[in-house]
Amino acid sequence: MTSITERCLFCRIASGEIPAKVVFQDTLTVAFEDINPQAPTHLVLIPRRHISSLDEMTENDAEAVGGVLFRATEIARARHLNDEGYRLVINQGEAAGQTVFHIHVHLLAGRNFVWPPG
């Protein structure tokens, strides 16, 4: 029987099994370029540990998910994205646009965004 982490696209990227343009990684987080960018800068940040969705988070996941948000802001500052602004997006569930069921944050910048989105 194959485990969820063996089937999960983002777990396979985090492990190096599937190649990606990784821009940052540490023990908790991996950040890589989105293969279908929706803005001039479009990165995906994931916790290394598999957490399927926000609804499945527990208190034990707070450090991993909080670390992803922290790293997103660090990357934004390092790339000077904060000068003009950037957007962080987390989709929760299919109706919201979640297509990979591993918590992830999209970091988007380099164009103007509208509100409300989509």
PDB file of N, CA and C in Angstrom:
ATOM      1  N   MET A   1       0.844  -1.177   0.000  1.00  0.00           N
ATOM      2  CA  MET A   1       0.000   0.000   0.000  1.00  0.00           C
ATOM      3  C   MET A   1       0.892   1.244   0.000  1.00  0.00           C
ATOM      4  N   THR A   2       0.581   2.190  -0.854  1.00  0.00           N
ATOM      5  CA  THR A   2       1.342   3.424  -0.960  1.00  0.00           C
ATOM      6  C   THR A   2       0.803   4.437   0.046  1.00  0.00           C
ATOM      7  N   SER A   3       1.705   5.078   0.786  1.00  0.00           N
ATOM      8  CA  SER A   3       1.281   6.078   1.763  1.00  0.00           C
ATOM      9  C   SER A   3       0.936   7.380   1.060  1.00  0.00           C
ATOM     10  N   ILE A   4       0.205   8.241   1.764  1.00  0.00           N
ATOM     11  CA  ILE A   4      -0.184   9.531   1.184  1.00  0.00           C
ATOM     12  C   ILE A   4       1.032  10.366   0.828  1.00  0.00           C
ATOM     13  N   THR A   5       2.082  10.324   1.662  1.00  0.00           N
ATOM     14  CA  THR A   5       3.267  11.127   1.362  1.00  0.00           C
ATOM     15  C   THR A   5       4.018  10.593   0.149  1.00  0.00           C
ATOM     16  N   GLU A   6       3.885   9.322  -0.142  1.00  0.00           N
ATOM     17  CA  GLU A   6       4.517   8.756  -1.330  1.00  0.00           C
ATOM     18  C   GLU A   6       3.760   9.156  -2.594  1.00  0.00           C
ATOM     19  N   ARG A   7       2.472   9.450  -2.468  1.00  0.00           N
ATOM     20  CA  ARG A   7       1.648   9.850  -3.609  1.00  0.00           C
ATOM     21  C   ARG A   7       1.557  11.363  -3.761  1.00  0.00           C
ATOM     22  N   CYS A   8       1.800  12.113  -2.695  1.00  0.00           N
ATOM     23  CA  CYS A   8       1.607  13.558  -2.685  1.00  0.00           C
ATOM     24  C   CYS A   8       2.669  14.264  -3.538  1.00  0.00           C
ATOM     25  N   LEU A   9       2.219  15.041  -4.499  1.00  0.00           N
ATOM     26  CA  LEU A   9       3.113  15.780  -5.375  1.00  0.00           C
ATOM     27  C   LEU A   9       4.077  16.659  -4.592  1.00  0.00           C
ATOM     28  N   PHE A  10       3.567  17.415  -3.621  1.00  0.00           N
ATOM     29  CA  PHE A  10       4.433  18.333  -2.885  1.00  0.00           C
ATOM     30  C   PHE A  10       5.394  17.600  -1.952  1.00  0.00           C
ATOM     31  N   CYS A  11       4.981  16.481  -1.384  1.00  0.00           N
ATOM     32  CA  CYS A  11       5.916  15.682  -0.578  1.00  0.00           C
ATOM     33  C   CYS A  11       7.051  15.160  -1.458  1.00  0.00           C
ATOM     34  N   ARG A  12       6.716  14.787  -2.679  1.00  0.00           N
ATOM     35  CA  ARG A  12       7.728  14.274  -3.600  1.00  0.00           C
ATOM     36  C   ARG A  12       8.681  15.381  -4.048  1.00  0.00           C
ATOM     37  N   ILE A  13       8.175  16.607  -4.193  1.00  0.00           N
ATOM     38  CA  ILE A  13       9.055  17.744  -4.482  1.00  0.00           C
ATOM     39  C   ILE A  13       9.960  18.014  -3.279  1.00  0.00           C
ATOM     40  N   ALA A  14       9.384  18.025  -2.079  1.00  0.00           N
ATOM     41  CA  ALA A  14      10.162  18.300  -0.859  1.00  0.00           C
ATOM     42  C   ALA A  14      11.276  17.276  -0.665  1.00  0.00           C
ATOM     43  N   SER A  15      11.019  16.036  -1.040  1.00  0.00           N
ATOM     44  CA  SER A  15      12.031  14.988  -0.871  1.00  0.00           C
ATOM     45  C   SER A  15      13.075  14.995  -1.986  1.00  0.00           C
ATOM     46  N   GLY A  16      12.832  15.754  -3.050  1.00  0.00           N
ATOM     47  CA  GLY A  16      13.751  15.795  -4.185  1.00  0.00           C
ATOM     48  C   GLY A  16      13.454  14.750  -5.237  1.00  0.00           C
ATOM     49  N   GLU A  17      12.429  13.948  -5.016  1.00  0.00           N
ATOM     50  CA  GLU A  17      12.068  12.908  -5.983  1.00  0.00           C
ATOM     51  C   GLU A  17      11.589  13.521  -7.300  1.00  0.00           C
ATOM     52  N   ILE A  18      10.845  14.615  -7.212  1.00  0.00           N
ATOM     53  CA  ILE A  18      10.383  15.338  -8.397  1.00  0.00           C
ATOM     54  C   ILE A  18      11.152  16.652  -8.440  1.00  0.00           C
ATOM     55  N   PRO A  19      11.793  16.953  -9.580  1.00  0.00           N
ATOM     56  CA  PRO A  19      12.561  18.189  -9.659  1.00  0.00           C
ATOM     57  C   PRO A  19      11.661  19.423  -9.653  1.00  0.00           C
ATOM     58  N   ALA A  20      12.161  20.479  -9.065  1.00  0.00           N
ATOM     59  CA  ALA A  20      11.484  21.771  -9.047  1.00  0.00           C
ATOM     60  C   ALA A  20      12.551  22.847  -8.948  1.00  0.00           C
ATOM     61  N   LYS A  21      12.182  24.063  -9.312  1.00  0.00           N
ATOM     62  CA  LYS A  21      13.097  25.199  -9.174  1.00  0.00           C
ATOM     63  C   LYS A  21      12.971  25.719  -7.745  1.00  0.00           C
ATOM     64  N   VAL A  22      13.727  25.081  -6.850  1.00  0.00           N
ATOM     65  CA  VAL A  22      13.683  25.413  -5.428  1.00  0.00           C
ATOM     66  C   VAL A  22      14.443  26.714  -5.210  1.00  0.00           C
ATOM     67  N   VAL A  23      13.792  27.648  -4.490  1.00  0.00           N
ATOM     68  CA  VAL A  23      14.422  28.937  -4.200  1.00  0.00           C
ATOM     69  C   VAL A  23      14.815  29.060  -2.731  1.00  0.00           C
ATOM     70  N   PHE A  24      14.269  28.181  -1.893  1.00  0.00           N
ATOM     71  CA  PHE A  24      14.604  28.178  -0.472  1.00  0.00           C
ATOM     72  C   PHE A  24      14.209  26.834   0.109  1.00  0.00           C
ATOM     73  N   GLN A  25      15.021  26.347   1.052  1.00  0.00           N
ATOM     74  CA  GLN A  25      14.632  25.170   1.827  1.00  0.00           C
ATOM     75  C   GLN A  25      15.380  25.154   3.142  1.00  0.00           C
ATOM     76  N   ASP A  26      14.693  24.680   4.158  1.00  0.00           N
ATOM     77  CA  ASP A  26      15.310  24.435   5.453  1.00  0.00           C
ATOM     78  C   ASP A  26      14.640  23.188   6.025  1.00  0.00           C
ATOM     79  N   THR A  27      14.785  22.946   7.296  1.00  0.00           N
ATOM     80  CA  THR A  27      14.257  21.704   7.874  1.00  0.00           C
ATOM     81  C   THR A  27      12.732  21.668   7.919  1.00  0.00           C
ATOM     82  N   LEU A  28      12.073  22.843   7.879  1.00  0.00           N
ATOM     83  CA  LEU A  28      10.616  22.887   7.981  1.00  0.00           C
ATOM     84  C   LEU A  28       9.901  23.242   6.685  1.00  0.00           C
ATOM     85  N   THR A  29      10.570  23.984   5.796  1.00  0.00           N
ATOM     86  CA  THR A  29       9.894  24.616   4.660  1.00  0.00           C
ATOM     87  C   THR A  29      10.653  24.412   3.360  1.00  0.00           C
ATOM     88  N   VAL A  30       9.903  24.310   2.266  1.00  0.00           N
ATOM     89  CA  VAL A  30      10.471  24.310   0.923  1.00  0.00           C
ATOM     90  C   VAL A  30       9.692  25.345   0.115  1.00  0.00           C
ATOM     91  N   ALA A  31      10.410  26.183  -0.645  1.00  0.00           N
ATOM     92  CA  ALA A  31       9.791  27.167  -1.534  1.00  0.00           C
ATOM     93  C   ALA A  31      10.309  26.926  -2.940  1.00  0.00           C
ATOM     94  N   PHE A  32       9.395  26.929  -3.900  1.00  0.00           N
ATOM     95  CA  PHE A  32       9.777  26.672  -5.282  1.00  0.00           C
ATOM     96  C   PHE A  32       8.894  27.475  -6.230  1.00  0.00           C
ATOM     97  N   GLU A  33       9.369  27.635  -7.454  1.00  0.00           N
ATOM     98  CA  GLU A  33       8.613  28.368  -8.458  1.00  0.00           C
ATOM     99  C   GLU A  33       7.412  27.547  -8.914  1.00  0.00           C
ATOM    100  N   ASP A  34       6.276  28.212  -9.061  1.00  0.00           N
ATOM    101  CA  ASP A  34       5.065  27.559  -9.547  1.00  0.00           C
ATOM    102  C   ASP A  34       5.244  27.231 -11.030  1.00  0.00           C
ATOM    103  N   ILE A  35       4.802  26.059 -11.453  1.00  0.00           N
ATOM    104  CA  ILE A  35       4.972  25.664 -12.861  1.00  0.00           C
ATOM    105  C   ILE A  35       3.934  26.329 -13.765  1.00  0.00           C
ATOM    106  N   ASN A  36       2.908  26.947 -13.189  1.00  0.00           N
ATOM    107  CA  ASN A  36       1.890  27.666 -13.955  1.00  0.00           C
ATOM    108  C   ASN A  36       1.706  29.049 -13.323  1.00  0.00           C
ATOM    109  N   PRO A  37       2.711  29.918 -13.452  1.00  0.00           N
ATOM    110  CA  PRO A  37       2.695  31.191 -12.721  1.00  0.00           C
ATOM    111  C   PRO A  37       1.528  32.090 -13.109  1.00  0.00           C
ATOM    112  N   GLN A  38       0.951  32.714 -12.090  1.00  0.00           N
ATOM    113  CA  GLN A  38      -0.164  33.635 -12.272  1.00  0.00           C
ATOM    114  C   GLN A  38       0.272  35.089 -12.093  1.00  0.00           C
ATOM    115  N   ALA A  39       1.560  35.314 -11.910  1.00  0.00           N
ATOM    116  CA  ALA A  39       2.141  36.642 -11.752  1.00  0.00           C
ATOM    117  C   ALA A  39       3.625  36.522 -12.081  1.00  0.00           C
ATOM    118  N   PRO A  40       4.295  37.659 -12.345  1.00  0.00           N
ATOM    119  CA  PRO A  40       5.734  37.587 -12.634  1.00  0.00           C
ATOM    120  C   PRO A  40       6.529  36.856 -11.553  1.00  0.00           C
ATOM    121  N   THR A  41       6.167  37.046 -10.299  1.00  0.00           N
ATOM    122  CA  THR A  41       6.716  36.229  -9.219  1.00  0.00           C
ATOM    123  C   THR A  41       5.591  35.360  -8.699  1.00  0.00           C
ATOM    124  N   HIS A  42       5.769  34.052  -8.746  1.00  0.00           N
ATOM    125  CA  HIS A  42       4.777  33.121  -8.214  1.00  0.00           C
ATOM    126  C   HIS A  42       5.516  31.923  -7.632  1.00  0.00           C
ATOM    127  N   LEU A  43       5.646  31.956  -6.315  1.00  0.00           N
ATOM    128  CA  LEU A  43       6.301  30.862  -5.601  1.00  0.00           C
ATOM    129  C   LEU A  43       5.273  30.086  -4.801  1.00  0.00           C
ATOM    130  N   VAL A  44       5.570  28.829  -4.563  1.00  0.00           N
ATOM    131  CA  VAL A  44       4.761  27.978  -3.691  1.00  0.00           C
ATOM    132  C   VAL A  44       5.630  27.602  -2.506  1.00  0.00           C
ATOM    133  N   LEU A  45       5.101  27.795  -1.311  1.00  0.00           N
ATOM    134  CA  LEU A  45       5.820  27.439  -0.082  1.00  0.00           C
ATOM    135  C   LEU A  45       5.037  26.365   0.633  1.00  0.00           C
ATOM    136  N   ILE A  46       5.731  25.322   1.065  1.00  0.00           N
ATOM    137  CA  ILE A  46       5.081  24.187   1.722  1.00  0.00           C
ATOM    138  C   ILE A  46       5.829  23.813   2.993  1.00  0.00           C
ATOM    139  N   PRO A  47       5.102  23.277   3.966  1.00  0.00           N
ATOM    140  CA  PRO A  47       5.809  22.632   5.071  1.00  0.00           C
ATOM    141  C   PRO A  47       6.338  21.286   4.571  1.00  0.00           C
ATOM    142  N   ARG A  48       7.498  20.885   5.023  1.00  0.00           N
ATOM    143  CA  ARG A  48       8.024  19.577   4.616  1.00  0.00           C
ATOM    144  C   ARG A  48       7.102  18.441   5.072  1.00  0.00           C
ATOM    145  N   ARG A  49       6.543  18.596   6.258  1.00  0.00           N
ATOM    146  CA  ARG A  49       5.660  17.560   6.797  1.00  0.00           C
ATOM    147  C   ARG A  49       4.318  17.633   6.080  1.00  0.00           C
ATOM    148  N   HIS A  50       3.783  16.495   5.721  1.00  0.00           N
ATOM    149  CA  HIS A  50       2.499  16.460   5.024  1.00  0.00           C
ATOM    150  C   HIS A  50       1.361  16.825   5.979  1.00  0.00           C
ATOM    151  N   ILE A  51       0.663  17.896   5.622  1.00  0.00           N
ATOM    152  CA  ILE A  51      -0.575  18.297   6.283  1.00  0.00           C
ATOM    153  C   ILE A  51      -1.531  18.560   5.134  1.00  0.00           C
ATOM    154  N   SER A  52      -2.592  17.794   5.022  1.00  0.00           N
ATOM    155  CA  SER A  52      -3.453  17.851   3.847  1.00  0.00           C
ATOM    156  C   SER A  52      -4.156  19.185   3.651  1.00  0.00           C
ATOM    157  N   SER A  53      -4.644  19.770   4.741  1.00  0.00           N
ATOM    158  CA  SER A  53      -5.424  20.996   4.593  1.00  0.00           C
ATOM    159  C   SER A  53      -5.452  21.761   5.902  1.00  0.00           C
ATOM    160  N   LEU A  54      -5.905  22.999   5.829  1.00  0.00           N
ATOM    161  CA  LEU A  54      -6.061  23.792   7.042  1.00  0.00           C
ATOM    162  C   LEU A  54      -7.020  23.119   8.006  1.00  0.00           C
ATOM    163  N   ASP A  55      -8.062  22.499   7.478  1.00  0.00           N
ATOM    164  CA  ASP A  55      -9.046  21.817   8.324  1.00  0.00           C
ATOM    165  C   ASP A  55      -8.455  20.646   9.089  1.00  0.00           C
ATOM    166  N   GLU A  56      -7.364  20.087   8.595  1.00  0.00           N
ATOM    167  CA  GLU A  56      -6.744  18.944   9.260  1.00  0.00           C
ATOM    168  C   GLU A  56      -5.610  19.347  10.197  1.00  0.00           C
ATOM    169  N   MET A  57      -5.339  20.659  10.272  1.00  0.00           N
ATOM    170  CA  MET A  57      -4.282  21.124  11.173  1.00  0.00           C
ATOM    171  C   MET A  57      -4.629  20.846  12.624  1.00  0.00           C
ATOM    172  N   THR A  58      -3.585  20.587  13.392  1.00  0.00           N
ATOM    173  CA  THR A  58      -3.724  20.499  14.838  1.00  0.00           C
ATOM    174  C   THR A  58      -2.758  21.523  15.441  1.00  0.00           C
ATOM    175  N   GLU A  59      -2.827  21.680  16.728  1.00  0.00           N
ATOM    176  CA  GLU A  59      -1.909  22.600  17.397  1.00  0.00           C
ATOM    177  C   GLU A  59      -0.454  22.208  17.139  1.00  0.00           C
ATOM    178  N   ASN A  60      -0.205  20.921  16.953  1.00  0.00           N
ATOM    179  CA  ASN A  60       1.155  20.444  16.675  1.00  0.00           C
ATOM    180  C   ASN A  60       1.681  20.914  15.322  1.00  0.00           C
ATOM    181  N   ASP A  61       0.791  21.370  14.436  1.00  0.00           N
ATOM    182  CA  ASP A  61       1.188  21.828  13.107  1.00  0.00           C
ATOM    183  C   ASP A  61       1.456  23.329  13.048  1.00  0.00           C
ATOM    184  N   ALA A  62       1.206  24.038  14.134  1.00  0.00           N
ATOM    185  CA  ALA A  62       1.316  25.501  14.133  1.00  0.00           C
ATOM    186  C   ALA A  62       2.722  25.972  13.768  1.00  0.00           C
ATOM    187  N   GLU A  63       3.743  25.319  14.288  1.00  0.00           N
ATOM    188  CA  GLU A  63       5.108  25.739  13.975  1.00  0.00           C
ATOM    189  C   GLU A  63       5.420  25.552  12.490  1.00  0.00           C
ATOM    190  N   ALA A  64       5.013  24.429  11.924  1.00  0.00           N
ATOM    191  CA  ALA A  64       5.296  24.157  10.514  1.00  0.00           C
ATOM    192  C   ALA A  64       4.581  25.151   9.607  1.00  0.00           C
ATOM    193  N   VAL A  65       3.305  25.394   9.857  1.00  0.00           N
ATOM    194  CA  VAL A  65       2.531  26.301   9.009  1.00  0.00           C
ATOM    195  C   VAL A  65       2.945  27.751   9.265  1.00  0.00           C
ATOM    196  N   GLY A  66       3.165  28.116  10.507  1.00  0.00           N
ATOM    197  CA  GLY A  66       3.659  29.454  10.811  1.00  0.00           C
ATOM    198  C   GLY A  66       5.025  29.702  10.193  1.00  0.00           C
ATOM    199  N   GLY A  67       5.857  28.677  10.160  1.00  0.00           N
ATOM    200  CA  GLY A  67       7.169  28.793   9.534  1.00  0.00           C
ATOM    201  C   GLY A  67       7.076  29.086   8.049  1.00  0.00           C
ATOM    202  N   VAL A  68       6.088  28.499   7.392  1.00  0.00           N
ATOM    203  CA  VAL A  68       5.873  28.765   5.970  1.00  0.00           C
ATOM    204  C   VAL A  68       5.535  30.241   5.765  1.00  0.00           C
ATOM    205  N   LEU A  69       4.652  30.778   6.589  1.00  0.00           N
ATOM    206  CA  LEU A  69       4.288  32.194   6.465  1.00  0.00           C
ATOM    207  C   LEU A  69       5.480  33.099   6.750  1.00  0.00           C
ATOM    208  N   PHE A  70       6.245  32.761   7.774  1.00  0.00           N
ATOM    209  CA  PHE A  70       7.432  33.549   8.100  1.00  0.00           C
ATOM    210  C   PHE A  70       8.425  33.541   6.941  1.00  0.00           C
ATOM    211  N   ARG A  71       8.682  32.379   6.372  1.00  0.00           N
ATOM    212  CA  ARG A  71       9.635  32.280   5.254  1.00  0.00           C
ATOM    213  C   ARG A  71       9.120  33.051   4.041  1.00  0.00           C
ATOM    214  N   ALA A  72       7.814  33.037   3.819  1.00  0.00           N
ATOM    215  CA  ALA A  72       7.249  33.800   2.698  1.00  0.00           C
ATOM    216  C   ALA A  72       7.575  35.280   2.844  1.00  0.00           C
ATOM    217  N   THR A  73       7.432  35.810   4.053  1.00  0.00           N
ATOM    218  CA  THR A  73       7.737  37.230   4.256  1.00  0.00           C
ATOM    219  C   THR A  73       9.233  37.498   4.139  1.00  0.00           C
ATOM    220  N   GLU A  74      10.050  36.566   4.597  1.00  0.00           N
ATOM    221  CA  GLU A  74      11.508  36.731   4.446  1.00  0.00           C
ATOM    222  C   GLU A  74      11.904  36.756   2.971  1.00  0.00           C
ATOM    223  N   ILE A  75      11.352  35.852   2.191  1.00  0.00           N
ATOM    224  CA  ILE A  75      11.647  35.810   0.754  1.00  0.00           C
ATOM    225  C   ILE A  75      11.163  37.098   0.096  1.00  0.00           C
ATOM    226  N   ALA A  76       9.972  37.559   0.460  1.00  0.00           N
ATOM    227  CA  ALA A  76       9.439  38.797  -0.111  1.00  0.00           C
ATOM    228  C   ALA A  76      10.354  39.980   0.193  1.00  0.00           C
ATOM    229  N   ARG A  77      10.828  40.081   1.430  1.00  0.00           N
ATOM    230  CA  ARG A  77      11.742  41.176   1.785  1.00  0.00           C
ATOM    231  C   ARG A  77      13.070  41.049   1.025  1.00  0.00           C
ATOM    232  N   ALA A  78      13.616  39.851   0.955  1.00  0.00           N
ATOM    233  CA  ALA A  78      14.906  39.642   0.277  1.00  0.00           C
ATOM    234  C   ALA A  78      14.822  39.994  -1.206  1.00  0.00           C
ATOM    235  N   ARG A  79      13.655  39.774  -1.806  1.00  0.00           N
ATOM    236  CA  ARG A  79      13.457  40.087  -3.228  1.00  0.00           C
ATOM    237  C   ARG A  79      12.877  41.482  -3.435  1.00  0.00           C
ATOM    238  N   HIS A  80      12.732  42.224  -2.352  1.00  0.00           N
ATOM    239  CA  HIS A  80      12.184  43.592  -2.367  1.00  0.00           C
ATOM    240  C   HIS A  80      10.761  43.629  -2.915  1.00  0.00           C
ATOM    241  N   LEU A  81      10.027  42.551  -2.739  1.00  0.00           N
ATOM    242  CA  LEU A  81       8.635  42.507  -3.185  1.00  0.00           C
ATOM    243  C   LEU A  81       7.754  43.391  -2.311  1.00  0.00           C
ATOM    244  N   ASN A  82       8.196  43.624  -1.089  1.00  0.00           N
ATOM    245  CA  ASN A  82       7.423  44.455  -0.170  1.00  0.00           C
ATOM    246  C   ASN A  82       7.424  45.927  -0.597  1.00  0.00           C
ATOM    247  N   ASP A  83       8.332  46.326  -1.496  1.00  0.00           N
ATOM    248  CA  ASP A  83       8.351  47.710  -1.974  1.00  0.00           C
ATOM    249  C   ASP A  83       7.046  48.068  -2.690  1.00  0.00           C
ATOM    250  N   GLU A  84       6.553  47.182  -3.523  1.00  0.00           N
ATOM    251  CA  GLU A  84       5.327  47.420  -4.283  1.00  0.00           C
ATOM    252  C   GLU A  84       4.135  46.642  -3.735  1.00  0.00           C
ATOM    253  N   GLY A  85       4.404  45.587  -3.005  1.00  0.00           N
ATOM    254  CA  GLY A  85       3.346  44.761  -2.441  1.00  0.00           C
ATOM    255  C   GLY A  85       3.347  43.364  -3.029  1.00  0.00           C
ATOM    256  N   TYR A  86       2.797  42.453  -2.266  1.00  0.00           N
ATOM    257  CA  TYR A  86       2.696  41.064  -2.702  1.00  0.00           C
ATOM    258  C   TYR A  86       1.457  40.462  -2.067  1.00  0.00           C
ATOM    259  N   ARG A  87       1.067  39.316  -2.557  1.00  0.00           N
ATOM    260  CA  ARG A  87      -0.113  38.626  -2.039  1.00  0.00           C
ATOM    261  C   ARG A  87       0.286  37.227  -1.615  1.00  0.00           C
ATOM    262  N   LEU A  88      -0.234  36.798  -0.458  1.00  0.00           N
ATOM    263  CA  LEU A  88      -0.115  35.415  -0.006  1.00  0.00           C
ATOM    264  C   LEU A  88      -1.499  34.798  -0.096  1.00  0.00           C
ATOM    265  N   VAL A  89      -1.582  33.609  -0.687  1.00  0.00           N
ATOM    266  CA  VAL A  89      -2.871  32.941  -0.884  1.00  0.00           C
ATOM    267  C   VAL A  89      -2.783  31.521  -0.350  1.00  0.00           C
ATOM    268  N   ILE A  90      -3.794  31.153   0.436  1.00  0.00           N
ATOM    269  CA  ILE A  90      -3.967  29.766   0.862  1.00  0.00           C
ATOM    270  C   ILE A  90      -5.374  29.361   0.438  1.00  0.00           C
ATOM    271  N   ASN A  91      -5.475  28.362  -0.409  1.00  0.00           N
ATOM    272  CA  ASN A  91      -6.781  27.841  -0.825  1.00  0.00           C
ATOM    273  C   ASN A  91      -7.134  26.655   0.067  1.00  0.00           C
ATOM    274  N   GLN A  92      -8.345  26.663   0.587  1.00  0.00           N
ATOM    275  CA  GLN A  92      -8.810  25.588   1.463  1.00  0.00           C
ATOM    276  C   GLN A  92     -10.000  24.895   0.811  1.00  0.00           C
ATOM    277  N   GLY A  93      -9.765  23.706   0.275  1.00  0.00           N
ATOM    278  CA  GLY A  93     -10.831  22.909  -0.318  1.00  0.00           C
ATOM    279  C   GLY A  93     -10.968  23.151  -1.813  1.00  0.00           C
ATOM    280  N   GLU A  94     -11.606  22.189  -2.466  1.00  0.00           N
ATOM    281  CA  GLU A  94     -11.750  22.240  -3.931  1.00  0.00           C
ATOM    282  C   GLU A  94     -12.490  23.474  -4.409  1.00  0.00           C
ATOM    283  N   ALA A  95     -13.576  23.861  -3.743  1.00  0.00           N
ATOM    284  CA  ALA A  95     -14.363  25.015  -4.178  1.00  0.00           C
ATOM    285  C   ALA A  95     -13.556  26.308  -4.101  1.00  0.00           C
ATOM    286  N   ALA A  96     -12.537  26.343  -3.256  1.00  0.00           N
ATOM    287  CA  ALA A  96     -11.684  27.529  -3.124  1.00  0.00           C
ATOM    288  C   ALA A  96     -10.484  27.478  -4.067  1.00  0.00           C
ATOM    289  N   GLY A  97     -10.323  26.372  -4.792  1.00  0.00           N
ATOM    290  CA  GLY A  97      -9.235  26.262  -5.754  1.00  0.00           C
ATOM    291  C   GLY A  97      -8.075  25.397  -5.322  1.00  0.00           C
ATOM    292  N   GLN A  98      -8.195  24.704  -4.184  1.00  0.00           N
ATOM    293  CA  GLN A  98      -7.101  23.823  -3.758  1.00  0.00           C
ATOM    294  C   GLN A  98      -7.075  22.610  -4.675  1.00  0.00           C
ATOM    295  N   THR A  99      -5.937  22.400  -5.343  1.00  0.00           N
ATOM    296  CA  THR A  99      -5.811  21.251  -6.252  1.00  0.00           C
ATOM    297  C   THR A  99      -4.810  20.220  -5.750  1.00  0.00           C
ATOM    298  N   VAL A 100      -3.866  20.644  -4.904  1.00  0.00           N
ATOM    299  CA  VAL A 100      -2.927  19.717  -4.276  1.00  0.00           C
ATOM    300  C   VAL A 100      -3.240  19.726  -2.788  1.00  0.00           C
ATOM    301  N   PHE A 101      -3.561  18.574  -2.252  1.00  0.00           N
ATOM    302  CA  PHE A 101      -3.989  18.496  -0.863  1.00  0.00           C
ATOM    303  C   PHE A 101      -2.799  18.256   0.068  1.00  0.00           C
ATOM    304  N   HIS A 102      -2.011  19.316   0.164  1.00  0.00           N
ATOM    305  CA  HIS A 102      -0.863  19.479   1.055  1.00  0.00           C
ATOM    306  C   HIS A 102      -0.855  20.990   1.282  1.00  0.00           C
ATOM    307  N   ILE A 103      -0.998  21.426   2.520  1.00  0.00           N
ATOM    308  CA  ILE A 103      -1.057  22.865   2.788  1.00  0.00           C
ATOM    309  C   ILE A 103       0.071  23.570   2.048  1.00  0.00           C
ATOM    310  N   HIS A 104      -0.290  24.666   1.379  1.00  0.00           N
ATOM    311  CA  HIS A 104       0.715  25.456   0.681  1.00  0.00           C
ATOM    312  C   HIS A 104       0.258  26.901   0.580  1.00  0.00           C
ATOM    313  N   VAL A 105       1.247  27.769   0.462  1.00  0.00           N
ATOM    314  CA  VAL A 105       1.010  29.204   0.344  1.00  0.00           C
ATOM    315  C   VAL A 105       1.575  29.654  -0.995  1.00  0.00           C
ATOM    316  N   HIS A 106       0.764  30.399  -1.739  1.00  0.00           N
ATOM    317  CA  HIS A 106       1.237  31.015  -2.969  1.00  0.00           C
ATOM    318  C   HIS A 106       1.728  32.418  -2.637  1.00  0.00           C
ATOM    319  N   LEU A 107       2.935  32.751  -3.064  1.00  0.00           N
ATOM    320  CA  LEU A 107       3.485  34.092  -2.939  1.00  0.00           C
ATOM    321  C   LEU A 107       3.481  34.693  -4.338  1.00  0.00           C
ATOM    322  N   LEU A 108       2.666  35.723  -4.533  1.00  0.00           N
ATOM    323  CA  LEU A 108       2.500  36.337  -5.840  1.00  0.00           C
ATOM    324  C   LEU A 108       2.881  37.808  -5.781  1.00  0.00           C
ATOM    325  N   ALA A 109       3.581  38.279  -6.815  1.00  0.00           N
ATOM    326  CA  ALA A 109       3.977  39.685  -6.868  1.00  0.00           C
ATOM    327  C   ALA A 109       4.336  40.045  -8.302  1.00  0.00           C
ATOM    328  N   GLY A 110       4.495  41.349  -8.512  1.00  0.00           N
ATOM    329  CA  GLY A 110       4.954  41.817  -9.815  1.00  0.00           C
ATOM    330  C   GLY A 110       3.845  42.304 -10.720  1.00  0.00           C
ATOM    331  N   ARG A 111       2.613  42.334 -10.228  1.00  0.00           N
ATOM    332  CA  ARG A 111       1.500  42.911 -10.983  1.00  0.00           C
ATOM    333  C   ARG A 111       0.472  43.405  -9.976  1.00  0.00           C
ATOM    334  N   ASN A 112      -0.461  44.194 -10.448  1.00  0.00           N
ATOM    335  CA  ASN A 112      -1.539  44.649  -9.577  1.00  0.00           C
ATOM    336  C   ASN A 112      -2.583  43.550  -9.450  1.00  0.00           C
ATOM    337  N   PHE A 113      -3.124  43.400  -8.257  1.00  0.00           N
ATOM    338  CA  PHE A 113      -4.156  42.418  -7.977  1.00  0.00           C
ATOM    339  C   PHE A 113      -5.454  43.153  -7.684  1.00  0.00           C
ATOM    340  N   VAL A 114      -6.554  42.487  -7.918  1.00  0.00           N
ATOM    341  CA  VAL A 114      -7.859  43.092  -7.661  1.00  0.00           C
ATOM    342  C   VAL A 114      -8.486  42.449  -6.427  1.00  0.00           C
ATOM    343  N   TRP A 115      -9.460  43.146  -5.888  1.00  0.00           N
ATOM    344  CA  TRP A 115     -10.232  42.625  -4.759  1.00  0.00           C
ATOM    345  C   TRP A 115     -11.693  42.829  -5.050  1.00  0.00           C
ATOM    346  N   PRO A 116     -12.540  41.881  -4.854  1.00  0.00           N
ATOM    347  CA  PRO A 116     -12.221  40.543  -4.363  1.00  0.00           C
ATOM    348  C   PRO A 116     -11.600  39.683  -5.457  1.00  0.00           C
ATOM    349  N   PRO A 117     -10.765  38.725  -5.045  1.00  0.00           N
ATOM    350  CA  PRO A 117     -10.152  37.832  -6.022  1.00  0.00           C
ATOM    351  C   PRO A 117     -11.172  36.855  -6.586  1.00  0.00           C
ATOM    352  N   GLY A 118     -10.870  36.332  -7.758  1.00  0.00           N
ATOM    353  CA  GLY A 118     -11.638  35.290  -8.425  1.00  0.00           C
ATOM    354  C   GLY A 118     -13.089  35.377  -8.229  1.00  0.00           C
TER     355      GLY A 118
END
